[in-house]
PDB file of all heavy atoms in Angstrom:
ATOM      1  N   ASN A   1      66.615-188.688 -41.276  1.00  0.00           N
ATOM      2  CA  ASN A   1      67.679-187.706 -41.067  1.00  0.00           C
ATOM      3  C   ASN A   1      67.850-186.756 -42.243  1.00  0.00           C
ATOM      4  O   ASN A   1      68.492-185.709 -42.123  1.00  0.00           O
ATOM      5  CB  ASN A   1      69.012-188.429 -40.805  1.00  0.00           C
ATOM      6  CG  ASN A   1      69.027-189.115 -39.456  1.00  0.00           C
ATOM      7  OD1 ASN A   1      68.456-188.620 -38.487  1.00  0.00           O
ATOM      8  ND2 ASN A   1      69.673-190.286 -39.395  1.00  0.00           N
ATOM      9  N   THR A   2      67.292-187.110 -43.413  1.00  0.00           N
ATOM     10  CA  THR A   2      67.444-186.251 -44.587  1.00  0.00           C
ATOM     11  C   THR A   2      66.400-185.135 -44.623  1.00  0.00           C
ATOM     12  O   THR A   2      66.563-184.165 -45.367  1.00  0.00           O
ATOM     13  CB  THR A   2      67.328-187.092 -45.875  1.00  0.00           C
ATOM     14  OG1 THR A   2      66.017-187.669 -45.952  1.00  0.00           O
ATOM     15  CG2 THR A   2      68.382-188.186 -45.885  1.00  0.00           C
ATOM     16  N   GLU A   3      65.314-185.276 -43.853  1.00  0.00           N
ATOM     17  CA  GLU A   3      64.246-184.267 -43.876  1.00  0.00           C
ATOM     18  C   GLU A   3      64.571-183.142 -42.897  1.00  0.00           C
ATOM     19  O   GLU A   3      64.812-183.371 -41.711  1.00  0.00           O
ATOM     20  CB  GLU A   3      62.906-184.896 -43.514  1.00  0.00           C
ATOM     21  CG  GLU A   3      61.734-183.936 -43.673  1.00  0.00           C
ATOM     22  CD  GLU A   3      60.399-184.608 -43.459  1.00  0.00           C
ATOM     23  OE1 GLU A   3      60.384-185.787 -43.039  1.00  0.00           O
ATOM     24  OE2 GLU A   3      59.367-183.970 -43.708  1.00  0.00           O
ATOM     25  N   LYS A   4      64.576-181.920 -43.420  1.00  0.00           N
ATOM     26  CA  LYS A   4      64.885-180.741 -42.617  1.00  0.00           C
ATOM     27  C   LYS A   4      63.722-179.755 -42.677  1.00  0.00           C
ATOM     28  O   LYS A   4      63.325-179.317 -43.758  1.00  0.00           O
ATOM     29  CB  LYS A   4      66.156-180.050 -43.124  1.00  0.00           C
ATOM     30  CG  LYS A   4      67.410-180.920 -43.118  1.00  0.00           C
ATOM     31  CD  LYS A   4      67.847-181.258 -41.711  1.00  0.00           C
ATOM     32  CE  LYS A   4      69.139-182.080 -41.715  1.00  0.00           C
ATOM     33  NZ  LYS A   4      69.551-182.467 -40.352  1.00  0.00           N
ATOM     34  N   THR A   5      63.155-179.440 -41.531  1.00  0.00           N
ATOM     35  CA  THR A   5      62.141-178.390 -41.428  1.00  0.00           C
ATOM     36  C   THR A   5      62.589-177.439 -40.326  1.00  0.00           C
ATOM     37  O   THR A   5      63.640-177.643 -39.705  1.00  0.00           O
ATOM     38  CB  THR A   5      60.749-178.975 -41.094  1.00  0.00           C
ATOM     39  OG1 THR A   5      60.734-179.406 -39.732  1.00  0.00           O
ATOM     40  CG2 THR A   5      60.410-180.145 -42.009  1.00  0.00           C
ATOM     41  N   ILE A   6      61.781-176.425 -40.061  1.00  0.00           N
ATOM     42  CA  ILE A   6      62.172-175.496 -38.997  1.00  0.00           C
ATOM     43  C   ILE A   6      62.135-176.170 -37.625  1.00  0.00           C
ATOM     44  O   ILE A   6      62.683-175.645 -36.661  1.00  0.00           O
ATOM     45  CB  ILE A   6      61.286-174.234 -38.998  1.00  0.00           C
ATOM     46  CG1 ILE A   6      59.833-174.586 -38.671  1.00  0.00           C
ATOM     47  CG2 ILE A   6      61.397-173.499 -40.329  1.00  0.00           C
ATOM     48  CD1 ILE A   6      58.954-173.372 -38.445  1.00  0.00           C
ATOM     49  N   VAL A   7      61.504-177.352 -37.534  1.00  0.00           N
ATOM     50  CA  VAL A   7      61.433-178.062 -36.249  1.00  0.00           C
ATOM     51  C   VAL A   7      62.820-178.482 -35.794  1.00  0.00           C
ATOM     52  O   VAL A   7      63.233-178.194 -34.663  1.00  0.00           O
ATOM     53  CB  VAL A   7      60.497-179.281 -36.355  1.00  0.00           C
ATOM     54  CG1 VAL A   7      60.591-180.136 -35.099  1.00  0.00           C
ATOM     55  CG2 VAL A   7      59.062-178.819 -36.551  1.00  0.00           C
ATOM     56  N   ASN A   8      63.572-179.175 -36.670  1.00  0.00           N
ATOM     57  CA  ASN A   8      64.926-179.574 -36.258  1.00  0.00           C
ATOM     58  C   ASN A   8      65.961-178.492 -36.537  1.00  0.00           C
ATOM     59  O   ASN A   8      67.035-178.501 -35.960  1.00  0.00           O
ATOM     60  CB  ASN A   8      65.347-180.899 -36.908  1.00  0.00           C
ATOM     61  CG  ASN A   8      65.081-180.932 -38.398  1.00  0.00           C
ATOM     62  OD1 ASN A   8      64.631-179.972 -38.993  1.00  0.00           O
ATOM     63  ND2 ASN A   8      65.370-182.079 -39.003  1.00  0.00           N
ATOM     64  N   GLU A   9      65.628-177.545 -37.427  1.00  0.00           N
ATOM     65  CA  GLU A   9      66.555-176.445 -37.700  1.00  0.00           C
ATOM     66  C   GLU A   9      66.643-175.485 -36.518  1.00  0.00           C
ATOM     67  O   GLU A   9      67.729-175.052 -36.132  1.00  0.00           O
ATOM     68  CB  GLU A   9      66.102-175.684 -38.947  1.00  0.00           C
ATOM     69  CG  GLU A   9      67.013-174.537 -39.346  1.00  0.00           C
ATOM     70  CD  GLU A   9      68.143-174.959 -40.258  1.00  0.00           C
ATOM     71  OE1 GLU A   9      68.106-176.104 -40.758  1.00  0.00           O
ATOM     72  OE2 GLU A   9      69.057-174.155 -40.468  1.00  0.00           O
ATOM     73  N   PHE A  10      65.469-175.136 -35.956  1.00  0.00           N
ATOM     74  CA  PHE A  10      65.426-174.155 -34.869  1.00  0.00           C
ATOM     75  C   PHE A  10      65.068-174.792 -33.527  1.00  0.00           C
ATOM     76  O   PHE A  10      64.693-174.099 -32.591  1.00  0.00           O
ATOM     77  CB  PHE A  10      64.415-173.048 -35.202  1.00  0.00           C
ATOM     78  CG  PHE A  10      64.712-172.319 -36.486  1.00  0.00           C
ATOM     79  CD1 PHE A  10      63.688-171.996 -37.370  1.00  0.00           C
ATOM     80  CD2 PHE A  10      66.003-171.958 -36.813  1.00  0.00           C
ATOM     81  CE1 PHE A  10      63.952-171.323 -38.554  1.00  0.00           C
ATOM     82  CE2 PHE A  10      66.284-171.290 -38.003  1.00  0.00           C
ATOM     83  CZ  PHE A  10      65.256-170.975 -38.874  1.00  0.00           C
ATOM     84  N   GLU A  11      65.162-176.146 -33.451  1.00  0.00           N
ATOM     85  CA  GLU A  11      64.941-176.903 -32.220  1.00  0.00           C
ATOM     86  C   GLU A  11      63.566-176.615 -31.601  1.00  0.00           C
ATOM     87  O   GLU A  11      63.435-176.274 -30.431  1.00  0.00           O
ATOM     88  CB  GLU A  11      66.050-176.600 -31.210  1.00  0.00           C
ATOM     89  CG  GLU A  11      67.438-176.998 -31.706  1.00  0.00           C
ATOM     90  CD  GLU A  11      68.519-176.706 -30.685  1.00  0.00           C
ATOM     91  OE1 GLU A  11      68.213-176.103 -29.637  1.00  0.00           O
ATOM     92  OE2 GLU A  11      69.678-177.085 -30.932  1.00  0.00           O
ATOM     93  N   LEU A  12      62.523-176.780 -32.414  1.00  0.00           N
ATOM     94  CA  LEU A  12      61.144-176.568 -31.950  1.00  0.00           C
ATOM     95  C   LEU A  12      60.526-177.913 -31.581  1.00  0.00           C
ATOM     96  O   LEU A  12      59.468-178.296 -32.083  1.00  0.00           O
ATOM     97  CB  LEU A  12      60.322-175.880 -33.046  1.00  0.00           C
ATOM     98  CG  LEU A  12      60.875-174.551 -33.563  1.00  0.00           C
ATOM     99  CD1 LEU A  12      59.996-174.002 -34.677  1.00  0.00           C
ATOM    100  CD2 LEU A  12      60.999-173.539 -32.440  1.00  0.00           C
ATOM    101  N   THR A  13      61.200-178.634 -30.705  1.00  0.00           N
ATOM    102  CA  THR A  13      60.769-179.980 -30.358  1.00  0.00           C
ATOM    103  C   THR A  13      59.939-179.979 -29.072  1.00  0.00           C
ATOM    104  O   THR A  13      59.960-179.024 -28.300  1.00  0.00           O
ATOM    105  CB  THR A  13      61.993-180.883 -30.165  1.00  0.00           C
ATOM    106  OG1 THR A  13      62.891-180.247 -29.247  1.00  0.00           O
ATOM    107  CG2 THR A  13      62.713-181.112 -31.482  1.00  0.00           C
ATOM    108  N   CYS A  14      59.215-181.075 -28.890  1.00  0.00           N
ATOM    109  CA  CYS A  14      58.443-181.368 -27.677  1.00  0.00           C
ATOM    110  C   CYS A  14      57.213-180.460 -27.533  1.00  0.00           C
ATOM    111  O   CYS A  14      57.039-179.483 -28.267  1.00  0.00           O
ATOM    112  CB  CYS A  14      59.322-181.287 -26.440  1.00  0.00           C
ATOM    113  SG  CYS A  14      60.714-182.454 -26.514  1.00  0.00           S
ATOM    114  N   ASP A  15      56.364-180.796 -26.582  1.00  0.00           N
ATOM    115  CA  ASP A  15      55.073-180.133 -26.431  1.00  0.00           C
ATOM    116  C   ASP A  15      55.192-178.655 -26.124  1.00  0.00           C
ATOM    117  O   ASP A  15      54.330-177.857 -26.500  1.00  0.00           O
ATOM    118  CB  ASP A  15      54.263-180.813 -25.323  1.00  0.00           C
ATOM    119  CG  ASP A  15      53.830-182.212 -25.713  1.00  0.00           C
ATOM    120  OD1 ASP A  15      53.864-182.517 -26.923  1.00  0.00           O
ATOM    121  OD2 ASP A  15      53.470-182.993 -24.822  1.00  0.00           O
ATOM    122  N   GLU A  16      56.245-178.253 -25.429  1.00  0.00           N
ATOM    123  CA  GLU A  16      56.365-176.840 -25.054  1.00  0.00           C
ATOM    124  C   GLU A  16      56.585-175.934 -26.262  1.00  0.00           C
ATOM    125  O   GLU A  16      56.383-174.722 -26.178  1.00  0.00           O
ATOM    126  CB  GLU A  16      57.496-176.643 -24.044  1.00  0.00           C
ATOM    127  CG  GLU A  16      58.869-177.084 -24.534  1.00  0.00           C
ATOM    128  CD  GLU A  16      59.201-178.506 -24.132  1.00  0.00           C
ATOM    129  OE1 GLU A  16      58.252-179.277 -23.905  1.00  0.00           O
ATOM    130  OE2 GLU A  16      60.393-178.833 -24.054  1.00  0.00           O
ATOM    131  N   ASN A  17      56.971-176.517 -27.403  1.00  0.00           N
ATOM    132  CA  ASN A  17      57.174-175.728 -28.616  1.00  0.00           C
ATOM    133  C   ASN A  17      56.104-175.992 -29.669  1.00  0.00           C
ATOM    134  O   ASN A  17      56.167-175.441 -30.764  1.00  0.00           O
ATOM    135  CB  ASN A  17      58.555-176.025 -29.220  1.00  0.00           C
ATOM    136  CG  ASN A  17      59.693-175.454 -28.388  1.00  0.00           C
ATOM    137  OD1 ASN A  17      59.679-174.273 -28.044  1.00  0.00           O
ATOM    138  ND2 ASN A  17      60.669-176.282 -28.066  1.00  0.00           N
ATOM    139  N   ALA A  18      55.123-176.833 -29.333  1.00  0.00           N
ATOM    140  CA  ALA A  18      54.085-177.173 -30.310  1.00  0.00           C
ATOM    141  C   ALA A  18      53.303-175.947 -30.749  1.00  0.00           C
ATOM    142  O   ALA A  18      52.906-175.836 -31.916  1.00  0.00           O
ATOM    143  CB  ALA A  18      53.149-178.227 -29.722  1.00  0.00           C
ATOM    144  N   TRP A  19      53.087-175.013 -29.821  1.00  0.00           N
ATOM    145  CA  TRP A  19      52.333-173.808 -30.177  1.00  0.00           C
ATOM    146  C   TRP A  19      53.077-172.959 -31.200  1.00  0.00           C
ATOM    147  O   TRP A  19      52.452-172.260 -32.011  1.00  0.00           O
ATOM    148  CB  TRP A  19      52.044-172.985 -28.919  1.00  0.00           C
ATOM    149  CG  TRP A  19      53.265-172.349 -28.303  1.00  0.00           C
ATOM    150  CD1 TRP A  19      54.091-172.892 -27.366  1.00  0.00           C
ATOM    151  CD2 TRP A  19      53.794-171.047 -28.599  1.00  0.00           C
ATOM    152  NE1 TRP A  19      55.102-172.024 -27.046  1.00  0.00           N
ATOM    153  CE2 TRP A  19      54.946-170.881 -27.782  1.00  0.00           C
ATOM    154  CE3 TRP A  19      53.405-170.015 -29.442  1.00  0.00           C
ATOM    155  CZ2 TRP A  19      55.713-169.719 -27.816  1.00  0.00           C
ATOM    156  CZ3 TRP A  19      54.166-168.855 -29.478  1.00  0.00           C
ATOM    157  CH2 TRP A  19      55.302-168.714 -28.681  1.00  0.00           C
ATOM    158  N   LYS A  20      54.398-173.021 -31.195  1.00  0.00           N
ATOM    159  CA  LYS A  20      55.170-172.249 -32.173  1.00  0.00           C
ATOM    160  C   LYS A  20      54.962-172.787 -33.586  1.00  0.00           C
ATOM    161  O   LYS A  20      54.897-172.010 -34.547  1.00  0.00           O
ATOM    162  CB  LYS A  20      56.656-172.281 -31.810  1.00  0.00           C
ATOM    163  CG  LYS A  20      57.014-171.510 -30.554  1.00  0.00           C
ATOM    164  CD  LYS A  20      58.524-171.506 -30.331  1.00  0.00           C
ATOM    165  CE  LYS A  20      58.880-170.680 -29.099  1.00  0.00           C
ATOM    166  NZ  LYS A  20      60.340-170.641 -28.870  1.00  0.00           N
ATOM    167  N   ILE A  21      54.860-174.097 -33.695  1.00  0.00           N
ATOM    168  CA  ILE A  21      54.608-174.694 -35.012  1.00  0.00           C
ATOM    169  C   ILE A  21      53.204-174.331 -35.496  1.00  0.00           C
ATOM    170  O   ILE A  21      52.998-173.946 -36.651  1.00  0.00           O
ATOM    171  CB  ILE A  21      54.774-176.223 -34.942  1.00  0.00           C
ATOM    172  CG1 ILE A  21      56.176-176.579 -34.453  1.00  0.00           C
ATOM    173  CG2 ILE A  21      54.515-176.850 -36.308  1.00  0.00           C
ATOM    174  CD1 ILE A  21      56.376-178.058 -34.205  1.00  0.00           C
ATOM    175  N   ALA A  22      52.215-174.441 -34.602  1.00  0.00           N
ATOM    176  CA  ALA A  22      50.837-174.096 -34.964  1.00  0.00           C
ATOM    177  C   ALA A  22      50.703-172.611 -35.289  1.00  0.00           C
ATOM    178  O   ALA A  22      49.889-172.223 -36.137  1.00  0.00           O
ATOM    179  CB  ALA A  22      49.892-174.473 -33.829  1.00  0.00           C
ATOM    180  N   MET A  23      51.511-171.774 -34.636  1.00  0.00           N
ATOM    181  CA  MET A  23      51.425-170.332 -34.838  1.00  0.00           C
ATOM    182  C   MET A  23      51.804-169.924 -36.262  1.00  0.00           C
ATOM    183  O   MET A  23      51.335-168.910 -36.771  1.00  0.00           O
ATOM    184  CB  MET A  23      52.338-169.618 -33.835  1.00  0.00           C
ATOM    185  CG  MET A  23      52.279-168.095 -33.885  1.00  0.00           C
ATOM    186  SD  MET A  23      50.608-167.459 -33.587  1.00  0.00           S
ATOM    187  CE  MET A  23      50.362-167.964 -31.879  1.00  0.00           C
ATOM    188  N   VAL A  24      52.622-170.727 -36.933  1.00  0.00           N
ATOM    189  CA  VAL A  24      53.048-170.397 -38.297  1.00  0.00           C
ATOM    190  C   VAL A  24      51.839-170.294 -39.222  1.00  0.00           C
ATOM    191  O   VAL A  24      51.657-169.308 -39.951  1.00  0.00           O
ATOM    192  CB  VAL A  24      54.047-171.457 -38.822  1.00  0.00           C
ATOM    193  CG1 VAL A  24      54.360-171.204 -40.296  1.00  0.00           C
ATOM    194  CG2 VAL A  24      55.333-171.430 -37.997  1.00  0.00           C
ATOM    195  N   GLY A  25      50.978-171.324 -39.202  1.00  0.00           N
ATOM    196  CA  GLY A  25      49.787-171.301 -40.049  1.00  0.00           C
ATOM    197  C   GLY A  25      48.799-170.229 -39.641  1.00  0.00           C
ATOM    198  O   GLY A  25      48.145-169.605 -40.489  1.00  0.00           O
ATOM    199  N   THR A  26      48.680-169.984 -38.349  1.00  0.00           N
ATOM    200  CA  THR A  26      47.758-168.957 -37.858  1.00  0.00           C
ATOM    201  C   THR A  26      48.202-167.569 -38.295  1.00  0.00           C
ATOM    202  O   THR A  26      47.388-166.761 -38.765  1.00  0.00           O
ATOM    203  CB  THR A  26      47.671-169.022 -36.319  1.00  0.00           C
ATOM    204  OG1 THR A  26      47.149-170.304 -35.935  1.00  0.00           O
ATOM    205  CG2 THR A  26      46.762-167.934 -35.785  1.00  0.00           C
ATOM    206  N   ILE A  27      49.486-167.277 -38.155  1.00  0.00           N
ATOM    207  CA  ILE A  27      50.027-165.983 -38.581  1.00  0.00           C
ATOM    208  C   ILE A  27      49.832-165.795 -40.079  1.00  0.00           C
ATOM    209  O   ILE A  27      49.482-164.706 -40.557  1.00  0.00           O
ATOM    210  CB  ILE A  27      51.523-165.888 -38.217  1.00  0.00           C
ATOM    211  CG1 ILE A  27      51.691-165.634 -36.720  1.00  0.00           C
ATOM    212  CG2 ILE A  27      52.225-164.799 -39.016  1.00  0.00           C
ATOM    213  CD1 ILE A  27      51.189-164.270 -36.272  1.00  0.00           C
ATOM    214  N   HIS A  28      50.030-166.863 -40.839  1.00  0.00           N
ATOM    215  CA  HIS A  28      49.828-166.805 -42.289  1.00  0.00           C
ATOM    216  C   HIS A  28      48.390-166.429 -42.632  1.00  0.00           C
ATOM    217  O   HIS A  28      48.141-165.585 -43.500  1.00  0.00           O
ATOM    218  CB  HIS A  28      50.180-168.161 -42.902  1.00  0.00           C
ATOM    219  CG  HIS A  28      50.161-168.181 -44.395  1.00  0.00           C
ATOM    220  ND1 HIS A  28      51.293-168.062 -45.166  1.00  0.00           N
ATOM    221  CD2 HIS A  28      49.133-168.302 -45.273  1.00  0.00           C
ATOM    222  CE1 HIS A  28      50.977-168.106 -46.443  1.00  0.00           C
ATOM    223  NE2 HIS A  28      49.663-168.259 -46.531  1.00  0.00           N
ATOM    224  N   SER A  29      47.428-167.034 -41.936  1.00  0.00           N
ATOM    225  CA  SER A  29      46.015-166.769 -42.217  1.00  0.00           C
ATOM    226  C   SER A  29      45.611-165.363 -41.790  1.00  0.00           C
ATOM    227  O   SER A  29      44.797-164.720 -42.465  1.00  0.00           O
ATOM    228  CB  SER A  29      45.148-167.812 -41.491  1.00  0.00           C
ATOM    229  OG  SER A  29      45.430-169.116 -41.964  1.00  0.00           O
ATOM    230  N   ILE A  30      46.150-164.880 -40.681  1.00  0.00           N
ATOM    231  CA  ILE A  30      45.868-163.510 -40.252  1.00  0.00           C
ATOM    232  C   ILE A  30      46.355-162.523 -41.302  1.00  0.00           C
ATOM    233  O   ILE A  30      45.672-161.545 -41.634  1.00  0.00           O
ATOM    234  CB  ILE A  30      46.518-163.225 -38.886  1.00  0.00           C
ATOM    235  CG1 ILE A  30      45.828-164.053 -37.790  1.00  0.00           C
ATOM    236  CG2 ILE A  30      46.446-161.747 -38.535  1.00  0.00           C
ATOM    237  CD1 ILE A  30      46.504-163.964 -36.436  1.00  0.00           C
ATOM    238  N   ALA A  31      47.529-162.778 -41.854  1.00  0.00           N
ATOM    239  CA  ALA A  31      48.074-161.905 -42.897  1.00  0.00           C
ATOM    240  C   ALA A  31      47.185-161.909 -44.130  1.00  0.00           C
ATOM    241  O   ALA A  31      46.983-160.864 -44.771  1.00  0.00           O
ATOM    242  CB  ALA A  31      49.486-162.357 -43.257  1.00  0.00           C
ATOM    243  N   GLN A  32      46.623-163.072 -44.475  1.00  0.00           N
ATOM    244  CA  GLN A  32      45.729-163.145 -45.634  1.00  0.00           C
ATOM    245  C   GLN A  32      44.474-162.295 -45.431  1.00  0.00           C
ATOM    246  O   GLN A  32      43.961-161.700 -46.371  1.00  0.00           O
ATOM    247  CB  GLN A  32      45.351-164.593 -45.903  1.00  0.00           C
ATOM    248  CG  GLN A  32      46.459-165.419 -46.521  1.00  0.00           C
ATOM    249  CD  GLN A  32      46.019-166.822 -46.847  1.00  0.00           C
ATOM    250  OE1 GLN A  32      45.376-167.484 -46.030  1.00  0.00           O
ATOM    251  NE2 GLN A  32      46.353-167.301 -48.023  1.00  0.00           N
ATOM    252  N   ALA A  33      43.975-162.256 -44.188  1.00  0.00           N
ATOM    253  CA  ALA A  33      42.793-161.442 -43.896  1.00  0.00           C
ATOM    254  C   ALA A  33      43.087-159.959 -44.125  1.00  0.00           C
ATOM    255  O   ALA A  33      42.290-159.243 -44.731  1.00  0.00           O
ATOM    256  CB  ALA A  33      42.338-161.673 -42.459  1.00  0.00           C
ATOM    257  N   PHE A  34      44.219-159.493 -43.649  1.00  0.00           N
ATOM    258  CA  PHE A  34      44.613-158.104 -43.884  1.00  0.00           C
ATOM    259  C   PHE A  34      44.862-157.848 -45.368  1.00  0.00           C
ATOM    260  O   PHE A  34      44.616-156.752 -45.877  1.00  0.00           O
ATOM    261  CB  PHE A  34      45.861-157.755 -43.075  1.00  0.00           C
ATOM    262  CG  PHE A  34      45.596-157.537 -41.618  1.00  0.00           C
ATOM    263  CD1 PHE A  34      46.064-158.435 -40.669  1.00  0.00           C
ATOM    264  CD2 PHE A  34      44.881-156.437 -41.174  1.00  0.00           C
ATOM    265  CE1 PHE A  34      45.824-158.252 -39.315  1.00  0.00           C
ATOM    266  CE2 PHE A  34      44.623-156.239 -39.822  1.00  0.00           C
ATOM    267  CZ  PHE A  34      45.106-157.143 -38.894  1.00  0.00           C
ATOM    268  N   ALA A  35      45.372-158.865 -46.061  1.00  0.00           N
ATOM    269  CA  ALA A  35      45.675-158.714 -47.484  1.00  0.00           C
ATOM    270  C   ALA A  35      44.420-158.434 -48.301  1.00  0.00           C
ATOM    271  O   ALA A  35      44.478-157.746 -49.333  1.00  0.00           O
ATOM    272  CB  ALA A  35      46.375-159.968 -48.002  1.00  0.00           C
ATOM    273  N   LEU A  36      43.264-158.972 -47.859  1.00  0.00           N
ATOM    274  CA  LEU A  36      42.013-158.711 -48.570  1.00  0.00           C
ATOM    275  C   LEU A  36      41.708-157.219 -48.620  1.00  0.00           C
ATOM    276  O   LEU A  36      41.218-156.695 -49.629  1.00  0.00           O
ATOM    277  CB  LEU A  36      40.861-159.465 -47.899  1.00  0.00           C
ATOM    278  CG  LEU A  36      40.865-160.993 -48.031  1.00  0.00           C
ATOM    279  CD1 LEU A  36      39.761-161.589 -47.179  1.00  0.00           C
ATOM    280  CD2 LEU A  36      40.705-161.405 -49.483  1.00  0.00           C
ATOM    281  N   LEU A  37      41.998-156.535 -47.509  1.00  0.00           N
ATOM    282  CA  LEU A  37      41.751-155.089 -47.457  1.00  0.00           C
ATOM    283  C   LEU A  37      42.773-154.318 -48.271  1.00  0.00           C
ATOM    284  O   LEU A  37      42.425-153.447 -49.076  1.00  0.00           O
ATOM    285  CB  LEU A  37      41.773-154.626 -45.997  1.00  0.00           C
ATOM    286  CG  LEU A  37      40.754-155.273 -45.054  1.00  0.00           C
ATOM    287  CD1 LEU A  37      40.971-154.786 -43.627  1.00  0.00           C
ATOM    288  CD2 LEU A  37      39.334-154.958 -45.512  1.00  0.00           C
ATOM    289  N   ILE A  38      44.051-154.648 -48.081  1.00  0.00           N
ATOM    290  CA  ILE A  38      45.115-153.932 -48.783  1.00  0.00           C
ATOM    291  C   ILE A  38      45.041-154.182 -50.278  1.00  0.00           C
ATOM    292  O   ILE A  38      45.132-153.264 -51.086  1.00  0.00           O
ATOM    293  CB  ILE A  38      46.492-154.369 -48.227  1.00  0.00           C
ATOM    294  CG1 ILE A  38      46.609-153.996 -46.755  1.00  0.00           C
ATOM    295  CG2 ILE A  38      47.619-153.727 -49.027  1.00  0.00           C
ATOM    296  CD1 ILE A  38      47.875-154.512 -46.099  1.00  0.00           C
ATOM    297  N   GLY A  39      44.879-155.453 -50.664  1.00  0.00           N
ATOM    298  CA  GLY A  39      44.849-155.797 -52.077  1.00  0.00           C
ATOM    299  C   GLY A  39      43.674-155.179 -52.810  1.00  0.00           C
ATOM    300  O   GLY A  39      43.815-154.712 -53.941  1.00  0.00           O
ATOM    301  N   GLY A  40      42.500-155.173 -52.165  1.00  0.00           N
ATOM    302  CA  GLY A  40      41.331-154.567 -52.813  1.00  0.00           C
ATOM    303  C   GLY A  40      41.514-153.084 -53.055  1.00  0.00           C
ATOM    304  O   GLY A  40      41.173-152.570 -54.119  1.00  0.00           O
ATOM    305  N   PHE A  41      42.058-152.385 -52.067  1.00  0.00           N
ATOM    306  CA  PHE A  41      42.306-150.951 -52.217  1.00  0.00           C
ATOM    307  C   PHE A  41      43.313-150.683 -53.330  1.00  0.00           C
ATOM    308  O   PHE A  41      43.097-149.824 -54.190  1.00  0.00           O
ATOM    309  CB  PHE A  41      42.823-150.372 -50.896  1.00  0.00           C
ATOM    310  CG  PHE A  41      43.321-148.959 -51.005  1.00  0.00           C
ATOM    311  CD1 PHE A  41      42.433-147.896 -51.025  1.00  0.00           C
ATOM    312  CD2 PHE A  41      44.684-148.693 -51.105  1.00  0.00           C
ATOM    313  CE1 PHE A  41      42.894-146.584 -51.145  1.00  0.00           C
ATOM    314  CE2 PHE A  41      45.150-147.392 -51.216  1.00  0.00           C
ATOM    315  CZ  PHE A  41      44.255-146.333 -51.234  1.00  0.00           C
ATOM    316  N   PHE A  42      44.420-151.425 -53.329  1.00  0.00           N
ATOM    317  CA  PHE A  42      45.471-151.217 -54.329  1.00  0.00           C
ATOM    318  C   PHE A  42      44.955-151.531 -55.728  1.00  0.00           C
ATOM    319  O   PHE A  42      45.216-150.799 -56.692  1.00  0.00           O
ATOM    320  CB  PHE A  42      46.677-152.098 -53.999  1.00  0.00           C
ATOM    321  CG  PHE A  42      47.885-151.814 -54.851  1.00  0.00           C
ATOM    322  CD1 PHE A  42      48.844-150.913 -54.419  1.00  0.00           C
ATOM    323  CD2 PHE A  42      48.069-152.458 -56.061  1.00  0.00           C
ATOM    324  CE1 PHE A  42      49.960-150.642 -55.193  1.00  0.00           C
ATOM    325  CE2 PHE A  42      49.177-152.201 -56.854  1.00  0.00           C
ATOM    326  CZ  PHE A  42      50.131-151.285 -56.416  1.00  0.00           C
ATOM    327  N   SER A  43      44.205-152.622 -55.847  1.00  0.00           N
ATOM    328  CA  SER A  43      43.684-153.037 -57.146  1.00  0.00           C
ATOM    329  C   SER A  43      42.697-152.019 -57.700  1.00  0.00           C
ATOM    330  O   SER A  43      42.720-151.703 -58.888  1.00  0.00           O
ATOM    331  CB  SER A  43      43.023-154.409 -57.016  1.00  0.00           C
ATOM    332  OG  SER A  43      42.475-154.830 -58.235  1.00  0.00           O
ATOM    333  N   ASP A  44      41.813-151.493 -56.854  1.00  0.00           N
ATOM    334  CA  ASP A  44      40.831-150.513 -57.299  1.00  0.00           C
ATOM    335  C   ASP A  44      41.483-149.176 -57.673  1.00  0.00           C
ATOM    336  O   ASP A  44      41.007-148.469 -58.562  1.00  0.00           O
ATOM    337  CB  ASP A  44      39.788-150.276 -56.207  1.00  0.00           C
ATOM    338  CG  ASP A  44      38.864-151.475 -56.034  1.00  0.00           C
ATOM    339  OD1 ASP A  44      38.782-152.295 -56.966  1.00  0.00           O
ATOM    340  OD2 ASP A  44      38.256-151.599 -54.965  1.00  0.00           O
TER     341      ASP A  44
END
């Protein structure tokens, strides 16, 4: 009961919400791919 994540905070329980949890990491990785382009341009 002491552990709080977005699962119990935003009620992302059961199989119908499993894709929402998996989507967090996927969205993060997609952003990193775009960051390679933006960061390289800005750095140069």
